[in-house]
Amino acid sequence: MKWTDIHDIAIELSDAHSEVDPLAVNFVDLRQWVMQLPDFDDDPKRCGEKILEAIQAAWIEERD
């Protein structure tokens, strides 16, 4: 997965952190959790606030 695979990342985060409210996750932790996903393989420098916002929004939608 790459940073642009927003929906896939959201699904993986939802599975990996099912007990976590995505609204309560700060972007530092969110970025780290994404990079720790087993299928994730992208340059950490390609990640910005807009991407993290999109991932968080998709995670919230996935959870609901």
PDB file of N, CA and C in Angstrom:
ATOM      1  N   MET A   1       0.835  -1.186   0.000  1.00  0.00           N
ATOM      2  CA  MET A   1       0.000   0.000   0.000  1.00  0.00           C
ATOM      3  C   MET A   1       0.875   1.243   0.000  1.00  0.00           C
ATOM      4  N   LYS A   2       0.342   2.266  -0.600  1.00  0.00           N
ATOM      5  CA  LYS A   2       0.986   3.578  -0.636  1.00  0.00           C
ATOM      6  C   LYS A   2       0.101   4.574   0.119  1.00  0.00           C
ATOM      7  N   TRP A   3       0.641   5.754   0.379  1.00  0.00           N
ATOM      8  CA  TRP A   3      -0.130   6.786   1.091  1.00  0.00           C
ATOM      9  C   TRP A   3      -1.442   7.116   0.385  1.00  0.00           C
ATOM     10  N   THR A   4      -1.469   6.970  -0.922  1.00  0.00           N
ATOM     11  CA  THR A   4      -2.666   7.308  -1.684  1.00  0.00           C
ATOM     12  C   THR A   4      -3.748   6.227  -1.627  1.00  0.00           C
ATOM     13  N   ASP A   5      -3.447   5.091  -1.052  1.00  0.00           N
ATOM     14  CA  ASP A   5      -4.432   4.006  -0.910  1.00  0.00           C
ATOM     15  C   ASP A   5      -5.268   4.232   0.352  1.00  0.00           C
ATOM     16  N   ILE A   6      -5.939   5.352   0.376  1.00  0.00           N
ATOM     17  CA  ILE A   6      -6.651   5.827   1.567  1.00  0.00           C
ATOM     18  C   ILE A   6      -7.649   4.791   2.089  1.00  0.00           C
ATOM     19  N   HIS A   7      -8.487   4.281   1.208  1.00  0.00           N
ATOM     20  CA  HIS A   7      -9.540   3.347   1.628  1.00  0.00           C
ATOM     21  C   HIS A   7      -8.943   2.049   2.179  1.00  0.00           C
ATOM     22  N   ASP A   8      -7.950   1.517   1.501  1.00  0.00           N
ATOM     23  CA  ASP A   8      -7.299   0.278   1.959  1.00  0.00           C
ATOM     24  C   ASP A   8      -6.631   0.475   3.319  1.00  0.00           C
ATOM     25  N   ILE A   9      -5.994   1.625   3.497  1.00  0.00           N
ATOM     26  CA  ILE A   9      -5.363   1.933   4.779  1.00  0.00           C
ATOM     27  C   ILE A   9      -6.414   2.014   5.877  1.00  0.00           C
ATOM     28  N   ALA A  10      -7.538   2.656   5.579  1.00  0.00           N
ATOM     29  CA  ALA A  10      -8.611   2.790   6.573  1.00  0.00           C
ATOM     30  C   ALA A  10      -9.144   1.428   7.006  1.00  0.00           C
ATOM     31  N   ILE A  11      -9.298   0.525   6.067  1.00  0.00           N
ATOM     32  CA  ILE A  11      -9.772  -0.827   6.376  1.00  0.00           C
ATOM     33  C   ILE A  11      -8.760  -1.534   7.282  1.00  0.00           C
ATOM     34  N   GLU A  12      -7.490  -1.450   6.926  1.00  0.00           N
ATOM     35  CA  GLU A  12      -6.445  -2.096   7.723  1.00  0.00           C
ATOM     36  C   GLU A  12      -6.365  -1.508   9.131  1.00  0.00           C
ATOM     37  N   LEU A  13      -6.477  -0.186   9.249  1.00  0.00           N
ATOM     38  CA  LEU A  13      -6.444   0.445  10.564  1.00  0.00           C
ATOM     39  C   LEU A  13      -7.648   0.036  11.399  1.00  0.00           C
ATOM     40  N   SER A  14      -8.795  -0.046  10.764  1.00  0.00           N
ATOM     41  CA  SER A  14     -10.010  -0.458  11.458  1.00  0.00           C
ATOM     42  C   SER A  14      -9.860  -1.870  12.020  1.00  0.00           C
ATOM     43  N   ASP A  15      -9.248  -2.744  11.251  1.00  0.00           N
ATOM     44  CA  ASP A  15      -9.013  -4.119  11.710  1.00  0.00           C
ATOM     45  C   ASP A  15      -7.947  -4.173  12.809  1.00  0.00           C
ATOM     46  N   ALA A  16      -6.865  -3.432  12.604  1.00  0.00           N
ATOM     47  CA  ALA A  16      -5.736  -3.495  13.529  1.00  0.00           C
ATOM     48  C   ALA A  16      -5.999  -2.783  14.849  1.00  0.00           C
ATOM     49  N   HIS A  17      -6.854  -1.759  14.813  1.00  0.00           N
ATOM     50  CA  HIS A  17      -7.102  -0.942  16.006  1.00  0.00           C
ATOM     51  C   HIS A  17      -8.609  -0.782  16.222  1.00  0.00           C
ATOM     52  N   SER A  18      -9.300  -1.900  16.273  1.00  0.00           N
ATOM     53  CA  SER A  18     -10.764  -1.881  16.373  1.00  0.00           C
ATOM     54  C   SER A  18     -11.269  -1.230  17.655  1.00  0.00           C
ATOM     55  N   GLU A  19     -10.439  -1.224  18.697  1.00  0.00           N
ATOM     56  CA  GLU A  19     -10.851  -0.660  19.983  1.00  0.00           C
ATOM     57  C   GLU A  19     -10.640   0.852  20.059  1.00  0.00           C
ATOM     58  N   VAL A  20     -10.039   1.441  19.027  1.00  0.00           N
ATOM     59  CA  VAL A  20      -9.668   2.852  19.044  1.00  0.00           C
ATOM     60  C   VAL A  20     -10.706   3.698  18.311  1.00  0.00           C
ATOM     61  N   ASP A  21     -11.048   4.841  18.905  1.00  0.00           N
ATOM     62  CA  ASP A  21     -11.902   5.826  18.239  1.00  0.00           C
ATOM     63  C   ASP A  21     -11.008   6.666  17.327  1.00  0.00           C
ATOM     64  N   PRO A  22     -11.208   6.604  16.006  1.00  0.00           N
ATOM     65  CA  PRO A  22     -10.336   7.342  15.101  1.00  0.00           C
ATOM     66  C   PRO A  22     -10.341   8.852  15.343  1.00  0.00           C
ATOM     67  N   LEU A  23     -11.402   9.360  15.925  1.00  0.00           N
ATOM     68  CA  LEU A  23     -11.466  10.793  16.231  1.00  0.00           C
ATOM     69  C   LEU A  23     -10.489  11.182  17.337  1.00  0.00           C
ATOM     70  N   ALA A  24     -10.080  10.213  18.133  1.00  0.00           N
ATOM     71  CA  ALA A  24      -9.198  10.485  19.269  1.00  0.00           C
ATOM     72  C   ALA A  24      -7.716  10.282  18.941  1.00  0.00           C
ATOM     73  N   VAL A  25      -7.417   9.891  17.712  1.00  0.00           N
ATOM     74  CA  VAL A  25      -6.039   9.604  17.335  1.00  0.00           C
ATOM     75  C   VAL A  25      -5.374  10.867  16.790  1.00  0.00           C
ATOM     76  N   ASN A  26      -4.207  11.195  17.344  1.00  0.00           N
ATOM     77  CA  ASN A  26      -3.478  12.351  16.801  1.00  0.00           C
ATOM     78  C   ASN A  26      -2.712  11.923  15.552  1.00  0.00           C
ATOM     79  N   PHE A  27      -2.312  12.898  14.755  1.00  0.00           N
ATOM     80  CA  PHE A  27      -1.687  12.597  13.472  1.00  0.00           C
ATOM     81  C   PHE A  27      -0.309  11.952  13.613  1.00  0.00           C
ATOM     82  N   VAL A  28       0.397  12.220  14.692  1.00  0.00           N
ATOM     83  CA  VAL A  28       1.697  11.587  14.909  1.00  0.00           C
ATOM     84  C   VAL A  28       1.505  10.082  15.065  1.00  0.00           C
ATOM     85  N   ASP A  29       0.539   9.693  15.902  1.00  0.00           N
ATOM     86  CA  ASP A  29       0.262   8.262  16.091  1.00  0.00           C
ATOM     87  C   ASP A  29      -0.313   7.639  14.815  1.00  0.00           C
ATOM     88  N   LEU A  30      -1.224   8.342  14.167  1.00  0.00           N
ATOM     89  CA  LEU A  30      -1.843   7.825  12.948  1.00  0.00           C
ATOM     90  C   LEU A  30      -0.781   7.534  11.886  1.00  0.00           C
ATOM     91  N   ARG A  31       0.128   8.454  11.690  1.00  0.00           N
ATOM     92  CA  ARG A  31       1.202   8.264  10.712  1.00  0.00           C
ATOM     93  C   ARG A  31       2.030   7.028  11.063  1.00  0.00           C
ATOM     94  N   GLN A  32       2.363   6.890  12.326  1.00  0.00           N
ATOM     95  CA  GLN A  32       3.163   5.747  12.765  1.00  0.00           C
ATOM     96  C   GLN A  32       2.412   4.436  12.561  1.00  0.00           C
ATOM     97  N   TRP A  33       1.137   4.417  12.898  1.00  0.00           N
ATOM     98  CA  TRP A  33       0.328   3.205  12.741  1.00  0.00           C
ATOM     99  C   TRP A  33       0.225   2.796  11.275  1.00  0.00           C
ATOM    100  N   VAL A  34       0.063   3.776  10.398  1.00  0.00           N
ATOM    101  CA  VAL A  34      -0.004   3.463   8.968  1.00  0.00           C
ATOM    102  C   VAL A  34       1.310   2.835   8.515  1.00  0.00           C
ATOM    103  N   MET A  35       2.420   3.429   8.912  1.00  0.00           N
ATOM    104  CA  MET A  35       3.722   2.912   8.488  1.00  0.00           C
ATOM    105  C   MET A  35       4.003   1.520   9.062  1.00  0.00           C
ATOM    106  N   GLN A  36       3.338   1.147  10.150  1.00  0.00           N
ATOM    107  CA  GLN A  36       3.528  -0.175  10.755  1.00  0.00           C
ATOM    108  C   GLN A  36       2.626  -1.245  10.148  1.00  0.00           C
ATOM    109  N   LEU A  37       1.696  -0.862   9.283  1.00  0.00           N
ATOM    110  CA  LEU A  37       0.821  -1.858   8.663  1.00  0.00           C
ATOM    111  C   LEU A  37       1.666  -2.809   7.815  1.00  0.00           C
ATOM    112  N   PRO A  38       1.366  -4.105   7.878  1.00  0.00           N
ATOM    113  CA  PRO A  38       2.199  -5.105   7.192  1.00  0.00           C
ATOM    114  C   PRO A  38       2.326  -4.886   5.680  1.00  0.00           C
ATOM    115  N   ASP A  39       1.261  -4.422   5.037  1.00  0.00           N
ATOM    116  CA  ASP A  39       1.276  -4.265   3.579  1.00  0.00           C
ATOM    117  C   ASP A  39       1.691  -2.866   3.131  1.00  0.00           C
ATOM    118  N   PHE A  40       2.027  -1.996   4.082  1.00  0.00           N
ATOM    119  CA  PHE A  40       2.379  -0.627   3.727  1.00  0.00           C
ATOM    120  C   PHE A  40       3.841  -0.530   3.311  1.00  0.00           C
ATOM    121  N   ASP A  41       4.071   0.128   2.188  1.00  0.00           N
ATOM    122  CA  ASP A  41       5.442   0.298   1.696  1.00  0.00           C
ATOM    123  C   ASP A  41       5.515   1.582   0.864  1.00  0.00           C
ATOM    124  N   ASP A  42       5.769   2.688   1.548  1.00  0.00           N
ATOM    125  CA  ASP A  42       5.897   3.964   0.857  1.00  0.00           C
ATOM    126  C   ASP A  42       6.844   4.860   1.651  1.00  0.00           C
ATOM    127  N   ASP A  43       7.301   5.895   1.009  1.00  0.00           N
ATOM    128  CA  ASP A  43       8.238   6.835   1.611  1.00  0.00           C
ATOM    129  C   ASP A  43       7.517   7.688   2.659  1.00  0.00           C
ATOM    130  N   PRO A  44       7.988   7.688   3.901  1.00  0.00           N
ATOM    131  CA  PRO A  44       7.360   8.507   4.945  1.00  0.00           C
ATOM    132  C   PRO A  44       7.312   9.991   4.595  1.00  0.00           C
ATOM    133  N   LYS A  45       8.236  10.444   3.766  1.00  0.00           N
ATOM    134  CA  LYS A  45       8.274  11.855   3.382  1.00  0.00           C
ATOM    135  C   LYS A  45       7.119  12.252   2.467  1.00  0.00           C
ATOM    136  N   ARG A  46       6.422  11.277   1.900  1.00  0.00           N
ATOM    137  CA  ARG A  46       5.302  11.563   1.008  1.00  0.00           C
ATOM    138  C   ARG A  46       4.004  11.847   1.760  1.00  0.00           C
ATOM    139  N   CYS A  47       4.061  11.733   3.056  1.00  0.00           N
ATOM    140  CA  CYS A  47       2.868  11.908   3.875  1.00  0.00           C
ATOM    141  C   CYS A  47       2.780  13.338   4.387  1.00  0.00           C
ATOM    142  N   GLY A  48       1.586  13.914   4.236  1.00  0.00           N
ATOM    143  CA  GLY A  48       1.336  15.253   4.760  1.00  0.00           C
ATOM    144  C   GLY A  48       0.021  15.281   5.521  1.00  0.00           C
ATOM    145  N   GLU A  49      -0.300  16.436   6.043  1.00  0.00           N
ATOM    146  CA  GLU A  49      -1.509  16.581   6.856  1.00  0.00           C
ATOM    147  C   GLU A  49      -2.775  16.247   6.067  1.00  0.00           C
ATOM    148  N   LYS A  50      -2.823  16.632   4.804  1.00  0.00           N
ATOM    149  CA  LYS A  50      -4.015  16.355   3.976  1.00  0.00           C
ATOM    150  C   LYS A  50      -4.242  14.849   3.832  1.00  0.00           C
ATOM    151  N   ILE A  51      -3.186  14.107   3.644  1.00  0.00           N
ATOM    152  CA  ILE A  51      -3.305  12.650   3.511  1.00  0.00           C
ATOM    153  C   ILE A  51      -3.777  12.051   4.827  1.00  0.00           C
ATOM    154  N   LEU A  52      -3.217  12.499   5.932  1.00  0.00           N
ATOM    155  CA  LEU A  52      -3.630  11.977   7.241  1.00  0.00           C
ATOM    156  C   LEU A  52      -5.087  12.322   7.534  1.00  0.00           C
ATOM    157  N   GLU A  53      -5.516  13.512   7.146  1.00  0.00           N
ATOM    158  CA  GLU A  53      -6.923  13.890   7.317  1.00  0.00           C
ATOM    159  C   GLU A  53      -7.828  12.962   6.506  1.00  0.00           C
ATOM    160  N   ALA A  54      -7.429  12.670   5.289  1.00  0.00           N
ATOM    161  CA  ALA A  54      -8.222  11.786   4.429  1.00  0.00           C
ATOM    162  C   ALA A  54      -8.266  10.367   4.996  1.00  0.00           C
ATOM    163  N   ILE A  55      -7.144   9.892   5.509  1.00  0.00           N
ATOM    164  CA  ILE A  55      -7.104   8.557   6.119  1.00  0.00           C
ATOM    165  C   ILE A  55      -8.013   8.516   7.340  1.00  0.00           C
ATOM    166  N   GLN A  56      -7.923   9.533   8.182  1.00  0.00           N
ATOM    167  CA  GLN A  56      -8.758   9.584   9.378  1.00  0.00           C
ATOM    168  C   GLN A  56     -10.245   9.610   9.009  1.00  0.00           C
ATOM    169  N   ALA A  57     -10.614  10.411   8.028  1.00  0.00           N
ATOM    170  CA  ALA A  57     -12.013  10.490   7.589  1.00  0.00           C
ATOM    171  C   ALA A  57     -12.504   9.154   7.041  1.00  0.00           C
ATOM    172  N   ALA A  58     -11.657   8.496   6.256  1.00  0.00           N
ATOM    173  CA  ALA A  58     -12.029   7.185   5.710  1.00  0.00           C
ATOM    174  C   ALA A  58     -12.140   6.142   6.798  1.00  0.00           C
ATOM    175  N   TRP A  59     -11.290   6.220   7.799  1.00  0.00           N
ATOM    176  CA  TRP A  59     -11.350   5.296   8.942  1.00  0.00           C
ATOM    177  C   TRP A  59     -12.641   5.498   9.709  1.00  0.00           C
ATOM    178  N   ILE A  60     -13.021   6.728   9.925  1.00  0.00           N
ATOM    179  CA  ILE A  60     -14.293   7.030  10.626  1.00  0.00           C
ATOM    180  C   ILE A  60     -15.452   6.462   9.833  1.00  0.00           C
ATOM    181  N   GLU A  61     -15.432   6.672   8.533  1.00  0.00           N
ATOM    182  CA  GLU A  61     -16.496   6.138   7.667  1.00  0.00           C
ATOM    183  C   GLU A  61     -16.511   4.611   7.680  1.00  0.00           C
ATOM    184  N   GLU A  62     -15.357   4.006   7.653  1.00  0.00           N
ATOM    185  CA  GLU A  62     -15.241   2.533   7.690  1.00  0.00           C
ATOM    186  C   GLU A  62     -15.792   1.978   9.006  1.00  0.00           C
ATOM    187  N   ARG A  63     -15.516   2.660  10.073  1.00  0.00           N
ATOM    188  CA  ARG A  63     -15.979   2.208  11.388  1.00  0.00           C
ATOM    189  C   ARG A  63     -17.501   2.298  11.509  1.00  0.00           C
ATOM    190  N   ASP A  64     -18.061   3.318  10.907  1.00  0.00           N
ATOM    191  CA  ASP A  64     -19.521   3.496  10.975  1.00  0.00           C
ATOM    192  C   ASP A  64     -20.175   2.573   9.978  1.00  0.00           C
TER     193      ASP A  64
END
